[in-house]
Every structure is written in structure tokens, then in C-alpha cells.
C-alpha atoms as a PDB file:
ATOM      1  CA  UNK A   1     119.544 103.312 132.581  1.00  0.00           C
ATOM      2  CA  UNK A   2     118.056  99.971 131.046  1.00  0.00           C
ATOM      3  CA  UNK A   3     119.947  99.151 127.069  1.00  0.00           C
ATOM      4  CA  UNK A   4     117.172  98.864 124.907  1.00  0.00           C
ATOM      5  CA  UNK A   5     117.691  95.428 123.006  1.00  0.00           C
ATOM      6  CA  UNK A   6     117.204  95.000 119.059  1.00  0.00           C
ATOM      7  CA  UNK A   7     115.260  92.588 117.645  1.00  0.00           C
ATOM      8  CA  UNK A   8     116.657  90.075 115.321  1.00  0.00           C
ATOM      9  CA  UNK A   9     115.260  88.864 112.004  1.00  0.00           C
ATOM     10  CA  UNK A  10     114.888  85.652 113.052  1.00  0.00           C
ATOM     11  CA  UNK A  11     112.720  86.349 116.467  1.00  0.00           C
ATOM     12  CA  UNK A  12     109.356  88.010 114.240  1.00  0.00           C
ATOM     13  CA  UNK A  13     107.201  85.733 115.041  1.00  0.00           C
ATOM     14  CA  UNK A  14     108.237  86.007 118.625  1.00  0.00           C
ATOM     15  CA  UNK A  15     108.209  89.988 118.242  1.00  0.00           C
ATOM     16  CA  UNK A  16     104.611  89.916 116.886  1.00  0.00           C
ATOM     17  CA  UNK A  17     104.684  89.599 113.403  1.00  0.00           C
ATOM     18  CA  UNK A  18     101.184  88.818 112.178  1.00  0.00           C
ATOM     19  CA  UNK A  19     100.748  85.186 111.603  1.00  0.00           C
ATOM     20  CA  UNK A  20      99.078  85.472 108.387  1.00  0.00           C
ATOM     21  CA  UNK A  21      97.443  82.612 106.054  1.00  0.00           C
ATOM     22  CA  UNK A  22      95.366  83.398 103.387  1.00  0.00           C
ATOM     23  CA  UNK A  23      94.110  81.711 100.420  1.00  0.00           C
ATOM     24  CA  UNK A  24      94.862  82.460  96.957  1.00  0.00           C
ATOM     25  CA  UNK A  25      91.528  83.807  96.390  1.00  0.00           C
ATOM     26  CA  UNK A  26      91.436  85.684  99.762  1.00  0.00           C
ATOM     27  CA  UNK A  27      95.139  87.472  98.347  1.00  0.00           C
ATOM     28  CA  UNK A  28      93.246  88.066  95.336  1.00  0.00           C
ATOM     29  CA  UNK A  29      90.585  89.909  97.317  1.00  0.00           C
ATOM     30  CA  UNK A  30      93.101  91.660  99.665  1.00  0.00           C
ATOM     31  CA  UNK A  31      95.175  93.071  96.952  1.00  0.00           C
ATOM     32  CA  UNK A  32      92.087  94.316  95.267  1.00  0.00           C
ATOM     33  CA  UNK A  33      91.032  96.163  98.334  1.00  0.00           C
ATOM     34  CA  UNK A  34      94.337  97.913  98.530  1.00  0.00           C
ATOM     35  CA  UNK A  35      93.096  98.963  94.946  1.00  0.00           C
ATOM     36  CA  UNK A  36      96.187  97.099  92.850  1.00  0.00           C
ATOM     37  CA  UNK A  37      93.460  95.485  90.699  1.00  0.00           C
ATOM     38  CA  UNK A  38      92.040  98.934  89.540  1.00  0.00           C
ATOM     39  CA  UNK A  39      91.865  98.663  85.428  1.00  0.00           C
ATOM     40  CA  UNK A  40      91.299  94.812  84.943  1.00  0.00           C
ATOM     41  CA  UNK A  41      88.552  92.088  85.473  1.00  0.00           C
ATOM     42  CA  UNK A  42      89.382  89.859  88.155  1.00  0.00           C
ATOM     43  CA  UNK A  43      90.353  87.018  85.982  1.00  0.00           C
ATOM     44  CA  UNK A  44      92.953  88.747  84.670  1.00  0.00           C
ATOM     45  CA  UNK A  45      94.460  89.856  87.694  1.00  0.00           C
ATOM     46  CA  UNK A  46      94.500  86.604  88.856  1.00  0.00           C
ATOM     47  CA  UNK A  47      96.449  85.376  85.691  1.00  0.00           C
ATOM     48  CA  UNK A  48      98.343  87.838  86.777  1.00  0.00           C
ATOM     49  CA  UNK A  49      99.299  86.871  89.838  1.00  0.00           C
ATOM     50  CA  UNK A  50      99.869  83.407  88.968  1.00  0.00           C
ATOM     51  CA  UNK A  51     102.001  84.757  86.327  1.00  0.00           C
ATOM     52  CA  UNK A  52     104.324  86.383  88.802  1.00  0.00           C
ATOM     53  CA  UNK A  53     104.533  83.088  91.155  1.00  0.00           C
ATOM     54  CA  UNK A  54     105.941  81.222  87.909  1.00  0.00           C
ATOM     55  CA  UNK A  55     108.265  83.828  87.897  1.00  0.00           C
ATOM     56  CA  UNK A  56     109.019  83.224  91.733  1.00  0.00           C
ATOM     57  CA  UNK A  57     107.139  86.148  93.169  1.00  0.00           C
ATOM     58  CA  UNK A  58     106.628  85.969  95.988  1.00  0.00           C
ATOM     59  CA  UNK A  59     107.612  82.590  96.559  1.00  0.00           C
ATOM     60  CA  UNK A  60     111.057  80.644  95.863  1.00  0.00           C
ATOM     61  CA  UNK A  61     110.184  78.741  92.466  1.00  0.00           C
ATOM     62  CA  UNK A  62     108.614  74.899  93.662  1.00  0.00           C
ATOM     63  CA  UNK A  63     108.101  76.620  97.367  1.00  0.00           C
ATOM     64  CA  UNK A  64     104.665  76.919  98.799  1.00  0.00           C
ATOM     65  CA  UNK A  65     102.795  75.024  96.553  1.00  0.00           C
ATOM     66  CA  UNK A  66     101.360  71.299  97.067  1.00  0.00           C
ATOM     67  CA  UNK A  67     102.440  68.872  93.738  1.00  0.00           C
ATOM     68  CA  UNK A  68      99.290  69.787  91.981  1.00  0.00           C
ATOM     69  CA  UNK A  69     100.348  73.219  92.607  1.00  0.00           C
ATOM     70  CA  UNK A  70      97.038  74.745  93.829  1.00  0.00           C
ATOM     71  CA  UNK A  71      97.910  75.169  97.468  1.00  0.00           C
ATOM     72  CA  UNK A  72      99.367  77.845  98.425  1.00  0.00           C
ATOM     73  CA  UNK A  73      99.167  80.331 101.577  1.00  0.00           C
ATOM     74  CA  UNK A  74     100.611  83.757 101.419  1.00  0.00           C
ATOM     75  CA  UNK A  75     101.861  84.535 105.080  1.00  0.00           C
ATOM     76  CA  UNK A  76     102.949  88.503 106.141  1.00  0.00           C
ATOM     77  CA  UNK A  77     106.627  88.246 104.008  1.00  0.00           C
ATOM     78  CA  UNK A  78     104.836  87.235 100.837  1.00  0.00           C
ATOM     79  CA  UNK A  79     101.738  89.846 100.822  1.00  0.00           C
ATOM     80  CA  UNK A  80     104.019  92.550 101.817  1.00  0.00           C
ATOM     81  CA  UNK A  81     106.330  91.242  98.704  1.00  0.00           C
ATOM     82  CA  UNK A  82     103.080  91.003  96.238  1.00  0.00           C
ATOM     83  CA  UNK A  83     102.152  94.310  97.515  1.00  0.00           C
ATOM     84  CA  UNK A  84     105.216  95.950  96.801  1.00  0.00           C
ATOM     85  CA  UNK A  85     105.436  94.263  93.105  1.00  0.00           C
ATOM     86  CA  UNK A  86     101.785  95.501  92.336  1.00  0.00           C
ATOM     87  CA  UNK A  87     103.362  99.276  93.280  1.00  0.00           C
ATOM     88  CA  UNK A  88     106.581  98.805  90.668  1.00  0.00           C
ATOM     89  CA  UNK A  89     104.556  97.733  87.708  1.00  0.00           C
ATOM     90  CA  UNK A  90     104.839  99.928  84.727  1.00  0.00           C
ATOM     91  CA  UNK A  91     101.748  99.698  82.464  1.00  0.00           C
ATOM     92  CA  UNK A  92     100.765  96.800  84.537  1.00  0.00           C
ATOM     93  CA  UNK A  93     103.678  94.922  84.075  1.00  0.00           C
ATOM     94  CA  UNK A  94     106.538  94.100  86.278  1.00  0.00           C
ATOM     95  CA  UNK A  95     109.825  94.774  84.534  1.00  0.00           C
ATOM     96  CA  UNK A  96     112.119  92.011  84.662  1.00  0.00           C
ATOM     97  CA  UNK A  97     114.663  93.705  86.864  1.00  0.00           C
ATOM     98  CA  UNK A  98     112.302  93.818  89.115  1.00  0.00           C
ATOM     99  CA  UNK A  99     111.258  90.256  89.341  1.00  0.00           C
ATOM    100  CA  UNK A 100     115.133  89.472  89.563  1.00  0.00           C
ATOM    101  CA  UNK A 101     115.902  92.233  92.408  1.00  0.00           C
ATOM    102  CA  UNK A 102     112.821  91.339  94.478  1.00  0.00           C
ATOM    103  CA  UNK A 103     114.101  87.671  94.362  1.00  0.00           C
ATOM    104  CA  UNK A 104     118.267  88.786  94.556  1.00  0.00           C
ATOM    105  CA  UNK A 105     117.525  90.559  97.651  1.00  0.00           C
ATOM    106  CA  UNK A 106     114.315  88.596  99.473  1.00  0.00           C
ATOM    107  CA  UNK A 107     116.125  87.643 102.785  1.00  0.00           C
ATOM    108  CA  UNK A 108     117.421  91.546 102.846  1.00  0.00           C
ATOM    109  CA  UNK A 109     113.672  92.786 101.635  1.00  0.00           C
ATOM    110  CA  UNK A 110     111.887  90.461 104.154  1.00  0.00           C
ATOM    111  CA  UNK A 111     113.829  91.646 106.908  1.00  0.00           C
ATOM    112  CA  UNK A 112     112.679  95.213 106.299  1.00  0.00           C
ATOM    113  CA  UNK A 113     109.191  94.528 106.140  1.00  0.00           C
ATOM    114  CA  UNK A 114     109.678  93.127 109.142  1.00  0.00           C
ATOM    115  CA  UNK A 115     110.794  95.908 111.028  1.00  0.00           C
ATOM    116  CA  UNK A 116     108.230  98.325 109.751  1.00  0.00           C
ATOM    117  CA  UNK A 117     105.678  96.468 111.370  1.00  0.00           C
ATOM    118  CA  UNK A 118     107.504  96.694 114.127  1.00  0.00           C
ATOM    119  CA  UNK A 119     108.069 100.477 114.087  1.00  0.00           C
ATOM    120  CA  UNK A 120     104.143 100.398 114.266  1.00  0.00           C
ATOM    121  CA  UNK A 121     104.268  99.711 117.822  1.00  0.00           C
ATOM    122  CA  UNK A 122     108.180  99.970 118.930  1.00  0.00           C
ATOM    123  CA  UNK A 123     108.922 103.754 117.099  1.00  0.00           C
ATOM    124  CA  UNK A 124     112.660 102.861 117.106  1.00  0.00           C
ATOM    125  CA  UNK A 125     113.009 105.600 114.563  1.00  0.00           C
ATOM    126  CA  UNK A 126     111.905 109.828 115.327  1.00  0.00           C
ATOM    127  CA  UNK A 127     109.048 111.144 113.403  1.00  0.00           C
ATOM    128  CA  UNK A 128     110.322 113.987 111.141  1.00  0.00           C
ATOM    129  CA  UNK A 129     109.034 117.213 111.357  1.00  0.00           C
ATOM    130  CA  UNK A 130     108.271 120.087 109.251  1.00  0.00           C
ATOM    131  CA  UNK A 131     106.757 123.528 109.292  1.00  0.00           C
ATOM    132  CA  UNK A 132     106.112 126.191 106.853  1.00  0.00           C
ATOM    133  CA  UNK A 133     105.560 129.967 107.557  1.00  0.00           C
ATOM    134  CA  UNK A 134     101.788 130.449 108.673  1.00  0.00           C
ATOM    135  CA  UNK A 135     102.111 128.070 111.533  1.00  0.00           C
ATOM    136  CA  UNK A 136     101.829 125.191 108.787  1.00  0.00           C
ATOM    137  CA  UNK A 137     103.067 121.970 110.562  1.00  0.00           C
ATOM    138  CA  UNK A 138     102.982 118.088 109.481  1.00  0.00           C
ATOM    139  CA  UNK A 139     104.595 114.958 110.911  1.00  0.00           C
ATOM    140  CA  UNK A 140     105.973 111.646 108.898  1.00  0.00           C
ATOM    141  CA  UNK A 141     106.356 109.088 110.264  1.00  0.00           C
ATOM    142  CA  UNK A 142     107.154 105.465 109.917  1.00  0.00           C
ATOM    143  CA  UNK A 143     109.783 102.800 108.340  1.00  0.00           C
ATOM    144  CA  UNK A 144     110.693 103.933 104.461  1.00  0.00           C
ATOM    145  CA  UNK A 145     111.941 101.405 101.950  1.00  0.00           C
ATOM    146  CA  UNK A 146     114.803 102.906  99.203  1.00  0.00           C
ATOM    147  CA  UNK A 147     115.359 100.226  96.300  1.00  0.00           C
ATOM    148  CA  UNK A 148     117.625 102.506  94.733  1.00  0.00           C
ATOM    149  CA  UNK A 149     115.984 102.089  91.608  1.00  0.00           C
ATOM    150  CA  UNK A 150     117.099 103.824  88.798  1.00  0.00           C
ATOM    151  CA  UNK A 151     116.220 104.822  85.219  1.00  0.00           C
ATOM    152  CA  UNK A 152     118.116 105.921  82.039  1.00  0.00           C
ATOM    153  CA  UNK A 153     116.743 106.507  78.662  1.00  0.00           C
ATOM    154  CA  UNK A 154     113.598 105.155  79.722  1.00  0.00           C
ATOM    155  CA  UNK A 155     114.844 101.984  80.861  1.00  0.00           C
ATOM    156  CA  UNK A 156     115.441 100.764  84.702  1.00  0.00           C
ATOM    157  CA  UNK A 157     119.021  99.769  84.535  1.00  0.00           C
ATOM    158  CA  UNK A 158     119.536  99.344  88.526  1.00  0.00           C
ATOM    159  CA  UNK A 159     117.453  97.739  91.737  1.00  0.00           C
ATOM    160  CA  UNK A 160     118.748  97.821  94.955  1.00  0.00           C
ATOM    161  CA  UNK A 161     120.194  96.895  97.223  1.00  0.00           C
ATOM    162  CA  UNK A 162     117.436  98.053  99.458  1.00  0.00           C
ATOM    163  CA  UNK A 163     117.548  99.901 102.699  1.00  0.00           C
ATOM    164  CA  UNK A 164     115.466 101.039 105.641  1.00  0.00           C
ATOM    165  CA  UNK A 165     115.243 104.854 105.846  1.00  0.00           C
ATOM    166  CA  UNK A 166     114.298 106.866 108.921  1.00  0.00           C
ATOM    167  CA  UNK A 167     111.659 109.360 108.164  1.00  0.00           C
ATOM    168  CA  UNK A 168     114.055 112.044 108.272  1.00  0.00           C
ATOM    169  CA  UNK A 169     116.284 110.443 105.533  1.00  0.00           C
ATOM    170  CA  UNK A 170     112.997 109.902 103.978  1.00  0.00           C
ATOM    171  CA  UNK A 171     112.310 113.086 103.404  1.00  0.00           C
ATOM    172  CA  UNK A 172     115.775 114.089 102.819  1.00  0.00           C
ATOM    173  CA  UNK A 173     116.230 112.042  99.500  1.00  0.00           C
ATOM    174  CA  UNK A 174     112.830 113.242  98.327  1.00  0.00           C
ATOM    175  CA  UNK A 175     113.733 117.043  98.988  1.00  0.00           C
ATOM    176  CA  UNK A 176     117.155 116.714  97.306  1.00  0.00           C
ATOM    177  CA  UNK A 177     116.238 114.415  94.768  1.00  0.00           C
ATOM    178  CA  UNK A 178     117.710 114.745  90.791  1.00  0.00           C
ATOM    179  CA  UNK A 179     116.384 113.891  88.064  1.00  0.00           C
ATOM    180  CA  UNK A 180     116.716 111.138  86.598  1.00  0.00           C
ATOM    181  CA  UNK A 181     119.545 109.925  88.735  1.00  0.00           C
ATOM    182  CA  UNK A 182     116.843 108.786  90.978  1.00  0.00           C
ATOM    183  CA  UNK A 183     113.574 107.690  89.734  1.00  0.00           C
ATOM    184  CA  UNK A 184     111.815 106.381  92.297  1.00  0.00           C
ATOM    185  CA  UNK A 185     111.637 107.581  95.591  1.00  0.00           C
ATOM    186  CA  UNK A 186     111.257 105.853  99.317  1.00  0.00           C
ATOM    187  CA  UNK A 187     108.033 103.826  99.915  1.00  0.00           C
ATOM    188  CA  UNK A 188     106.365 104.029 103.536  1.00  0.00           C
ATOM    189  CA  UNK A 189     106.446 100.073 104.339  1.00  0.00           C
ATOM    190  CA  UNK A 190     104.541 100.757 107.472  1.00  0.00           C
ATOM    191  CA  UNK A 191     101.706 102.631 105.848  1.00  0.00           C
ATOM    192  CA  UNK A 192     101.776  99.206 103.586  1.00  0.00           C
ATOM    193  CA  UNK A 193     102.087  96.309 106.504  1.00  0.00           C
ATOM    194  CA  UNK A 194      99.274  98.648 108.769  1.00  0.00           C
ATOM    195  CA  UNK A 195      96.928  98.553 105.500  1.00  0.00           C
ATOM    196  CA  UNK A 196      97.202  94.931 104.920  1.00  0.00           C
ATOM    197  CA  UNK A 197      97.143  94.208 108.802  1.00  0.00           C
ATOM    198  CA  UNK A 198      94.178  95.621 109.107  1.00  0.00           C
ATOM    199  CA  UNK A 199      92.233  94.561 105.859  1.00  0.00           C
ATOM    200  CA  UNK A 200      92.805  90.539 106.838  1.00  0.00           C
ATOM    201  CA  UNK A 201      90.884  91.145 109.637  1.00  0.00           C
ATOM    202  CA  UNK A 202      87.752  91.400 107.476  1.00  0.00           C
ATOM    203  CA  UNK A 203      88.606  88.452 105.361  1.00  0.00           C
ATOM    204  CA  UNK A 204      85.570  87.113 103.109  1.00  0.00           C
ATOM    205  CA  UNK A 205      85.330  82.950 103.274  1.00  0.00           C
ATOM    206  CA  UNK A 206      86.752  81.800  99.785  1.00  0.00           C
ATOM    207  CA  UNK A 207      87.235  78.377  98.245  1.00  0.00           C
ATOM    208  CA  UNK A 208      90.659  77.754  98.186  1.00  0.00           C
ATOM    209  CA  UNK A 209      92.150  77.924  94.974  1.00  0.00           C
ATOM    210  CA  UNK A 210      89.417  80.735  93.811  1.00  0.00           C
ATOM    211  CA  UNK A 211      89.084  84.619  93.438  1.00  0.00           C
ATOM    212  CA  UNK A 212      86.149  86.465  93.969  1.00  0.00           C
ATOM    213  CA  UNK A 213      84.041  87.217  91.078  1.00  0.00           C
ATOM    214  CA  UNK A 214      83.829  90.529  91.903  1.00  0.00           C
ATOM    215  CA  UNK A 215      84.928  92.783  94.536  1.00  0.00           C
ATOM    216  CA  UNK A 216      83.888  92.471  98.234  1.00  0.00           C
ATOM    217  CA  UNK A 217      82.804  95.258 100.190  1.00  0.00           C
ATOM    218  CA  UNK A 218      82.919  95.411 104.077  1.00  0.00           C
END
């Protein structure tokens, strides 16, 4: 029997993680296409992403920028981090606990992002199959991310450590969640990775440092 060799985190490029290099303008377009700009103007969204950059999301502060602070390039891991940040906003604002958590657990999270993309083709975790009376059935696939976020009295009190979950583990957590102990359920990061990569295949040409004036459709 052939022994399966698991991928190491540093083997990401060799194992097929997309080698993406988006400009700031293309990243704005991508996030808008994914629905994260809903309800705000392009200029407001542009300002919001630049504000996150100054806080160290999705780059380490001072990293990935030229001396003029305009020449930024977003790769796969940065796009995943930004997308997760967008999903965690509360009334269009990212709580400080989330910002700190994304930075503090960055290495752990990026390893999970890579594994989530590998899961699309390697299928290392068996799907969870659910059936109901009347012949109703559904199948849950992908790698899930549990950020261990907890709230108390309307305030976020905990973030992390993050962990990757199989479909069965994610379904079990959802089914047995007890409010208010667990307020944010696992994210299907494989689906998120698939959406990001699919949209980057139809990127428009946007001058570096600029944001599209209006959403681009294809």
C-alpha cells in the first residue's frame, strides 16, 4: 500500500497554490465582485482597505509596500485574509479583537488557507452526508475554519486559536452550538478559496493604485 505524504506548509507553491499578484485596484474589484462592497461607494471601500493596511491587514506593517506606499501586490494568502476580514465585519467595521487576531494568528491561518485550497482537489477530509425523512439528502464538502470567536454582553471577548475542521466536525459544531457561548460558526474556506481563484481568471486591467469607478461585470 502506498503511503500518503502530507503537504508541509512551506510546500504551498509546489503543491499548486495559485501564484497571484493583484494590484490594489484589482483587489478592490475582486472584493466588490465577491459582494464585500455592498452598500458603500467605491471611494469609501478603497479608503477602508487602505485603513486596514495601516493596521497590518493583510500585510505586516511596512511589508509589501514601496517607499511611496503605493506599490502593493496581493497574493493568494493576502486575498484570503482580506476576504475573511470582510466576512467578520460588524456594521462595516472590523473590531479591534479581529484585527489583532488576524495578525497574531497569521501563520496558523495562512497554513489553513493553503490546506483549504488543496482540499478542492486532494479531498483529504471525507464529506459529511446528511439525510432526512422523505429521501432528502445533502452533502457537505470542503475544509472549514473555526476562529473560536466568543461574545459576551454584546462585546467580543475571544478570538482564536483558529483550527481547521472537517465537514463532519463543522456540521457537529453547528448542530450543537449553544448561544451565547459560540457566536460565530465555522467558515467554509475551501469555497472562499475557490471563489477567489475563479474571479481572478477574469481580472480587468486596472492601473496600479486606482480603484474602478463602478463595479465591472463580465
